[in-house]
Amino acid sequence: MIAGLTGGIATGKSTVARLFQELGAHVIDFDILAHEVMRPGLKAWEEIVKFFGVEILNPDQTINRKKLGRLVFNEPEKLARLNRIVHPAVFKEDQKITAEILARDPGAVIIKEIPLLIEAGAGHLVEKIIVVYASPEVQLQRLLARGLDRDEALKRINAQAPLSEKMKWADFVIYNDGNLEETRRQVEEVYQQLVSCASVEGQ
């Protein structure tokens, strides 16, 4: 059973992913995969440097993701170009990891943490979609706690598709603006349903 985990910025996707992992799910974090495929010398790295220039590099030749983020943040065409470079490499790496997990454990529950699952049109990679929800007020408070100023935080929240839109695609919604135990209870419920689906598929 393969489920996609998504939501808005600062909704607590990584916390929810960790809770699924504690229950026995295999978690594939697409942010980590993107980091991996952008390592110096790899094809995606070469294409990004060619397009955006060497000024986005750190002294050790790794890509400075903050600099890159600033370049694409308000530039839809540049962001689309970056996504066209990175997404295919990430999807290829994901397929490899998914195949390895299923070869070892055919009944596995795999959670793919994909921040832009809806926007990237990556729904074909999963069988179920889980959306993590937090109110805009909670998102804002969490971003302020990370050190962003109010204007920057609001820009980042508004740059993504509204959570109400993502929730239309959801098979499950986890409300993550309460306490951790309440979130854990919801994760356990969803996990049990995913395990049930996996066992039905395996029969």
C-alpha atoms as a PDB file:
ATOM      1  CA  MET A   1       0.000   0.000   0.000  1.00  0.00           C
ATOM      2  CA  ILE A   2       1.521   3.284  -1.127  1.00  0.00           C
ATOM      3  CA  ALA A   3       0.155   6.526   0.302  1.00  0.00           C
ATOM      4  CA  GLY A   4       1.191  10.084  -0.460  1.00  0.00           C
ATOM      5  CA  LEU A   5       1.530  12.502   2.440  1.00  0.00           C
ATOM      6  CA  THR A   6       1.130  16.177   1.629  1.00  0.00           C
ATOM      7  CA  GLY A   7      -0.140  19.453   3.061  1.00  0.00           C
ATOM      8  CA  GLY A   8       0.815  23.099   3.272  1.00  0.00           C
ATOM      9  CA  ILE A   9       3.986  24.652   4.591  1.00  0.00           C
ATOM     10  CA  ALA A  10       4.324  24.318   8.388  1.00  0.00           C
ATOM     11  CA  THR A  11       1.350  21.970   8.719  1.00  0.00           C
ATOM     12  CA  GLY A  12       3.585  19.365  10.377  1.00  0.00           C
ATOM     13  CA  LYS A  13       4.063  16.857   7.544  1.00  0.00           C
ATOM     14  CA  SER A  14       7.419  15.661   8.884  1.00  0.00           C
ATOM     15  CA  THR A  15       5.985  15.116  12.371  1.00  0.00           C
ATOM     16  CA  VAL A  16       3.149  13.048  10.894  1.00  0.00           C
ATOM     17  CA  ALA A  17       5.610  11.092   8.718  1.00  0.00           C
ATOM     18  CA  ARG A  18       7.693  10.297  11.811  1.00  0.00           C
ATOM     19  CA  LEU A  19       4.585   9.027  13.625  1.00  0.00           C
ATOM     20  CA  PHE A  20       3.789   6.727  10.682  1.00  0.00           C
ATOM     21  CA  GLN A  21       7.390   5.487  10.738  1.00  0.00           C
ATOM     22  CA  GLU A  22       7.140   4.690  14.459  1.00  0.00           C
ATOM     23  CA  LEU A  23       4.129   2.487  13.667  1.00  0.00           C
ATOM     24  CA  GLY A  24       6.098   0.506  11.085  1.00  0.00           C
ATOM     25  CA  ALA A  25       5.534   2.362   7.810  1.00  0.00           C
ATOM     26  CA  HIS A  26       8.395   2.918   5.359  1.00  0.00           C
ATOM     27  CA  VAL A  27       8.766   6.662   4.723  1.00  0.00           C
ATOM     28  CA  ILE A  28      10.244   8.131   1.527  1.00  0.00           C
ATOM     29  CA  ASP A  29      10.911  11.872   1.943  1.00  0.00           C
ATOM     30  CA  PHE A  30      10.907  13.626  -1.442  1.00  0.00           C
ATOM     31  CA  ASP A  31      12.758  16.651  -0.024  1.00  0.00           C
ATOM     32  CA  ILE A  32      15.629  14.333   0.899  1.00  0.00           C
ATOM     33  CA  LEU A  33      15.473  12.692  -2.545  1.00  0.00           C
ATOM     34  CA  ALA A  34      15.626  16.144  -4.189  1.00  0.00           C
ATOM     35  CA  HIS A  35      18.686  16.914  -2.072  1.00  0.00           C
ATOM     36  CA  GLU A  36      20.274  13.617  -3.155  1.00  0.00           C
ATOM     37  CA  VAL A  37      19.716  14.074  -6.902  1.00  0.00           C
ATOM     38  CA  MET A  38      21.183  17.612  -6.724  1.00  0.00           C
ATOM     39  CA  ARG A  39      24.567  16.411  -5.417  1.00  0.00           C
ATOM     40  CA  PRO A  40      27.638  17.781  -7.243  1.00  0.00           C
ATOM     41  CA  GLY A  41      28.450  15.985 -10.488  1.00  0.00           C
ATOM     42  CA  LEU A  42      25.029  14.415 -11.001  1.00  0.00           C
ATOM     43  CA  LYS A  43      22.974  15.216 -14.109  1.00  0.00           C
ATOM     44  CA  ALA A  44      20.396  17.386 -12.277  1.00  0.00           C
ATOM     45  CA  TRP A  45      23.205  19.356 -10.577  1.00  0.00           C
ATOM     46  CA  GLU A  46      24.867  20.024 -13.936  1.00  0.00           C
ATOM     47  CA  GLU A  47      21.614  21.206 -15.532  1.00  0.00           C
ATOM     48  CA  ILE A  48      20.749  23.465 -12.577  1.00  0.00           C
ATOM     49  CA  VAL A  49      24.198  25.090 -12.538  1.00  0.00           C
ATOM     50  CA  LYS A  50      24.103  25.529 -16.312  1.00  0.00           C
ATOM     51  CA  PHE A  51      20.730  27.289 -16.139  1.00  0.00           C
ATOM     52  CA  PHE A  52      21.046  29.308 -12.899  1.00  0.00           C
ATOM     53  CA  GLY A  53      24.797  30.002 -12.890  1.00  0.00           C
ATOM     54  CA  VAL A  54      27.704  29.203 -10.542  1.00  0.00           C
ATOM     55  CA  GLU A  55      26.606  31.927  -8.091  1.00  0.00           C
ATOM     56  CA  ILE A  56      24.124  29.446  -6.581  1.00  0.00           C
ATOM     57  CA  LEU A  57      27.012  27.176  -5.458  1.00  0.00           C
ATOM     58  CA  ASN A  58      28.563  26.924  -2.001  1.00  0.00           C
ATOM     59  CA  PRO A  59      32.378  26.806  -1.731  1.00  0.00           C
ATOM     60  CA  ASP A  60      32.190  22.983  -1.642  1.00  0.00           C
ATOM     61  CA  GLN A  61      30.244  23.015  -4.970  1.00  0.00           C
ATOM     62  CA  THR A  62      26.957  21.928  -3.389  1.00  0.00           C
ATOM     63  CA  ILE A  63      23.902  23.942  -4.396  1.00  0.00           C
ATOM     64  CA  ASN A  64      22.941  26.668  -1.933  1.00  0.00           C
ATOM     65  CA  ARG A  65      19.253  25.882  -1.673  1.00  0.00           C
ATOM     66  CA  LYS A  66      18.418  29.208  -0.014  1.00  0.00           C
ATOM     67  CA  LYS A  67      19.970  31.154  -2.897  1.00  0.00           C
ATOM     68  CA  LEU A  68      18.235  28.904  -5.414  1.00  0.00           C
ATOM     69  CA  GLY A  69      14.947  29.287  -3.533  1.00  0.00           C
ATOM     70  CA  ARG A  70      15.198  33.076  -3.659  1.00  0.00           C
ATOM     71  CA  LEU A  71      15.853  32.956  -7.422  1.00  0.00           C
ATOM     72  CA  VAL A  72      12.745  30.902  -8.185  1.00  0.00           C
ATOM     73  CA  PHE A  73      10.353  32.051  -5.441  1.00  0.00           C
ATOM     74  CA  ASN A  74       8.587  34.825  -7.363  1.00  0.00           C
ATOM     75  CA  GLU A  75       9.552  33.574 -10.838  1.00  0.00           C
ATOM     76  CA  PRO A  76       7.039  30.948 -12.038  1.00  0.00           C
ATOM     77  CA  GLU A  77       8.976  30.246 -15.248  1.00  0.00           C
ATOM     78  CA  LYS A  78      12.253  29.646 -13.392  1.00  0.00           C
ATOM     79  CA  LEU A  79      10.474  27.477 -10.828  1.00  0.00           C
ATOM     80  CA  ALA A  80       8.860  25.441 -13.617  1.00  0.00           C
ATOM     81  CA  ARG A  81      12.284  24.958 -15.227  1.00  0.00           C
ATOM     82  CA  LEU A  82      13.807  23.836 -11.917  1.00  0.00           C
ATOM     83  CA  ASN A  83      10.953  21.373 -11.409  1.00  0.00           C
ATOM     84  CA  ARG A  84      11.418  19.979 -14.942  1.00  0.00           C
ATOM     85  CA  ILE A  85      15.049  19.250 -14.048  1.00  0.00           C
ATOM     86  CA  VAL A  86      14.553  17.867 -10.537  1.00  0.00           C
ATOM     87  CA  HIS A  87      11.224  16.005 -10.659  1.00  0.00           C
ATOM     88  CA  PRO A  88      12.161  13.297 -13.213  1.00  0.00           C
ATOM     89  CA  ALA A  89      15.355  12.492 -11.275  1.00  0.00           C
ATOM     90  CA  VAL A  90      13.420  12.337  -7.992  1.00  0.00           C
ATOM     91  CA  PHE A  91      10.683  10.123  -9.486  1.00  0.00           C
ATOM     92  CA  LYS A  92      13.316   7.738 -10.876  1.00  0.00           C
ATOM     93  CA  GLU A  93      15.047   7.464  -7.477  1.00  0.00           C
ATOM     94  CA  ASP A  94      11.680   6.971  -5.774  1.00  0.00           C
ATOM     95  CA  GLN A  95      10.772   4.091  -8.130  1.00  0.00           C
ATOM     96  CA  LYS A  96      14.058   2.368  -7.302  1.00  0.00           C
ATOM     97  CA  ILE A  97      13.563   2.712  -3.514  1.00  0.00           C
ATOM     98  CA  THR A  98       9.902   1.649  -3.728  1.00  0.00           C
ATOM     99  CA  ALA A  99      10.808  -1.480  -5.707  1.00  0.00           C
ATOM    100  CA  GLU A 100      13.511  -2.393  -3.156  1.00  0.00           C
ATOM    101  CA  ILE A 101      11.073  -2.025  -0.225  1.00  0.00           C
ATOM    102  CA  LEU A 102       8.334  -4.084  -1.916  1.00  0.00           C
ATOM    103  CA  ALA A 103      10.819  -6.801  -2.891  1.00  0.00           C
ATOM    104  CA  ARG A 104      11.756  -7.189   0.793  1.00  0.00           C
ATOM    105  CA  ASP A 105       8.258  -6.668   2.194  1.00  0.00           C
ATOM    106  CA  PRO A 106       5.385  -7.150  -0.315  1.00  0.00           C
ATOM    107  CA  GLY A 107       2.792  -6.134   2.305  1.00  0.00           C
ATOM    108  CA  ALA A 108       4.586  -2.916   3.244  1.00  0.00           C
ATOM    109  CA  VAL A 109       2.842   0.356   3.960  1.00  0.00           C
ATOM    110  CA  ILE A 110       4.893   3.035   2.194  1.00  0.00           C
ATOM    111  CA  ILE A 111       4.348   6.709   2.989  1.00  0.00           C
ATOM    112  CA  LYS A 112       5.723   9.099   0.371  1.00  0.00           C
ATOM    113  CA  GLU A 113       6.138  12.562   1.873  1.00  0.00           C
ATOM    114  CA  ILE A 114       5.625  14.820  -1.166  1.00  0.00           C
ATOM    115  CA  PRO A 115       5.083  18.504  -0.267  1.00  0.00           C
ATOM    116  CA  LEU A 116       3.857  19.398  -3.783  1.00  0.00           C
ATOM    117  CA  LEU A 117       2.100  16.110  -4.541  1.00  0.00           C
ATOM    118  CA  ILE A 118      -1.002  17.845  -5.957  1.00  0.00           C
ATOM    119  CA  GLU A 119       0.819  20.733  -7.670  1.00  0.00           C
ATOM    120  CA  ALA A 120       3.420  18.420  -9.259  1.00  0.00           C
ATOM    121  CA  GLY A 121       0.760  16.061 -10.596  1.00  0.00           C
ATOM    122  CA  ALA A 122       2.389  13.179  -8.723  1.00  0.00           C
ATOM    123  CA  GLY A 123      -0.854  11.449  -7.753  1.00  0.00           C
ATOM    124  CA  HIS A 124      -0.007   8.546 -10.093  1.00  0.00           C
ATOM    125  CA  LEU A 125       2.820   7.560  -7.706  1.00  0.00           C
ATOM    126  CA  VAL A 126       0.424   6.682  -4.861  1.00  0.00           C
ATOM    127  CA  GLU A 127      -2.752   4.740  -4.167  1.00  0.00           C
ATOM    128  CA  LYS A 128      -4.097   6.932  -1.345  1.00  0.00           C
ATOM    129  CA  ILE A 129      -3.578  10.609  -0.495  1.00  0.00           C
ATOM    130  CA  ILE A 130      -3.203  11.884   3.068  1.00  0.00           C
ATOM    131  CA  VAL A 131      -3.415  15.652   3.600  1.00  0.00           C
ATOM    132  CA  VAL A 132      -2.041  17.181   6.809  1.00  0.00           C
ATOM    133  CA  TYR A 133      -4.066  20.233   7.795  1.00  0.00           C
ATOM    134  CA  ALA A 134      -3.290  23.130  10.107  1.00  0.00           C
ATOM    135  CA  SER A 135      -5.158  26.428  10.244  1.00  0.00           C
ATOM    136  CA  PRO A 136      -3.507  29.448   8.560  1.00  0.00           C
ATOM    137  CA  GLU A 137      -3.030  30.979  12.017  1.00  0.00           C
ATOM    138  CA  VAL A 138      -1.101  27.927  13.225  1.00  0.00           C
ATOM    139  CA  GLN A 139       0.955  27.813   9.998  1.00  0.00           C
ATOM    140  CA  LEU A 140       1.873  31.473  10.507  1.00  0.00           C
ATOM    141  CA  GLN A 141       2.849  30.985  14.154  1.00  0.00           C
ATOM    142  CA  ARG A 142       5.058  28.004  13.262  1.00  0.00           C
ATOM    143  CA  LEU A 143       6.830  29.964  10.506  1.00  0.00           C
ATOM    144  CA  LEU A 144       7.380  32.938  12.825  1.00  0.00           C
ATOM    145  CA  ALA A 145       8.867  30.501  15.363  1.00  0.00           C
ATOM    146  CA  ARG A 146      11.300  29.351  12.619  1.00  0.00           C
ATOM    147  CA  GLY A 147      12.600  32.915  12.364  1.00  0.00           C
ATOM    148  CA  LEU A 148      10.719  34.198   9.308  1.00  0.00           C
ATOM    149  CA  ASP A 149       9.225  37.672   9.445  1.00  0.00           C
ATOM    150  CA  ARG A 150       5.464  38.012   9.052  1.00  0.00           C
ATOM    151  CA  ASP A 151       5.498  39.204   5.404  1.00  0.00           C
ATOM    152  CA  GLU A 152       7.827  36.403   4.272  1.00  0.00           C
ATOM    153  CA  ALA A 153       5.783  33.810   6.182  1.00  0.00           C
ATOM    154  CA  LEU A 154       2.514  34.971   4.600  1.00  0.00           C
ATOM    155  CA  LYS A 155       4.119  34.980   1.137  1.00  0.00           C
ATOM    156  CA  ARG A 156       5.203  31.367   1.585  1.00  0.00           C
ATOM    157  CA  ILE A 157       1.780  30.258   2.797  1.00  0.00           C
ATOM    158  CA  ASN A 158       0.042  32.040  -0.110  1.00  0.00           C
ATOM    159  CA  ALA A 159       2.518  30.710  -2.696  1.00  0.00           C
ATOM    160  CA  GLN A 160       1.130  27.193  -2.287  1.00  0.00           C
ATOM    161  CA  ALA A 161      -2.213  25.812  -3.398  1.00  0.00           C
ATOM    162  CA  PRO A 162      -4.834  26.435  -0.678  1.00  0.00           C
ATOM    163  CA  LEU A 163      -5.204  23.559   1.781  1.00  0.00           C
ATOM    164  CA  SER A 164      -8.947  23.538   1.049  1.00  0.00           C
ATOM    165  CA  GLU A 165      -8.050  22.657  -2.566  1.00  0.00           C
ATOM    166  CA  LYS A 166      -5.651  19.877  -1.516  1.00  0.00           C
ATOM    167  CA  MET A 167      -8.247  18.435   0.851  1.00  0.00           C
ATOM    168  CA  LYS A 168     -10.561  17.768  -2.123  1.00  0.00           C
ATOM    169  CA  TRP A 169      -8.027  15.168  -3.304  1.00  0.00           C
ATOM    170  CA  ALA A 170      -7.604  13.553   0.113  1.00  0.00           C
ATOM    171  CA  ASP A 171      -8.592  10.026   1.058  1.00  0.00           C
ATOM    172  CA  PHE A 172      -7.617  10.944   4.636  1.00  0.00           C
ATOM    173  CA  VAL A 173      -7.160  14.293   6.402  1.00  0.00           C
ATOM    174  CA  ILE A 174      -5.049  14.568   9.561  1.00  0.00           C
ATOM    175  CA  TYR A 175      -5.766  17.715  11.572  1.00  0.00           C
ATOM    176  CA  ASN A 176      -2.478  18.800  13.101  1.00  0.00           C
ATOM    177  CA  ASP A 177      -3.161  22.042  14.910  1.00  0.00           C
ATOM    178  CA  GLY A 178      -3.905  20.452  18.274  1.00  0.00           C
ATOM    179  CA  ASN A 179      -1.561  18.570  20.593  1.00  0.00           C
ATOM    180  CA  LEU A 180       0.775  15.745  19.566  1.00  0.00           C
ATOM    181  CA  GLU A 181      -1.313  13.010  21.220  1.00  0.00           C
ATOM    182  CA  GLU A 182      -4.385  14.005  19.220  1.00  0.00           C
ATOM    183  CA  THR A 183      -2.310  13.897  16.021  1.00  0.00           C
ATOM    184  CA  ARG A 184      -0.870  10.504  17.027  1.00  0.00           C
ATOM    185  CA  ARG A 185      -4.388   9.106  17.544  1.00  0.00           C
ATOM    186  CA  GLN A 186      -5.421  10.188  14.024  1.00  0.00           C
ATOM    187  CA  VAL A 187      -2.217   8.756  12.512  1.00  0.00           C
ATOM    188  CA  GLU A 188      -2.849   5.405  14.231  1.00  0.00           C
ATOM    189  CA  GLU A 189      -6.398   5.289  12.814  1.00  0.00           C
ATOM    190  CA  VAL A 190      -5.208   6.035   9.274  1.00  0.00           C
ATOM    191  CA  TYR A 191      -2.336   3.559   9.573  1.00  0.00           C
ATOM    192  CA  GLN A 192      -4.703   0.746  10.586  1.00  0.00           C
ATOM    193  CA  GLN A 193      -6.866   1.480   7.533  1.00  0.00           C
ATOM    194  CA  LEU A 194      -3.796   1.440   5.267  1.00  0.00           C
ATOM    195  CA  VAL A 195      -2.677  -1.893   6.772  1.00  0.00           C
ATOM    196  CA  SER A 196      -6.183  -3.294   6.147  1.00  0.00           C
ATOM    197  CA  CYS A 197      -6.051  -2.124   2.511  1.00  0.00           C
ATOM    198  CA  ALA A 198      -2.591  -3.667   2.119  1.00  0.00           C
ATOM    199  CA  SER A 199      -3.745  -7.031   3.488  1.00  0.00           C
ATOM    200  CA  VAL A 200      -6.784  -7.061   1.151  1.00  0.00           C
ATOM    201  CA  GLU A 201      -4.506  -6.286  -1.813  1.00  0.00           C
ATOM    202  CA  GLY A 202      -2.170  -9.103  -0.810  1.00  0.00           C
ATOM    203  CA  GLN A 203      -4.880 -11.774  -0.773  1.00  0.00           C
END
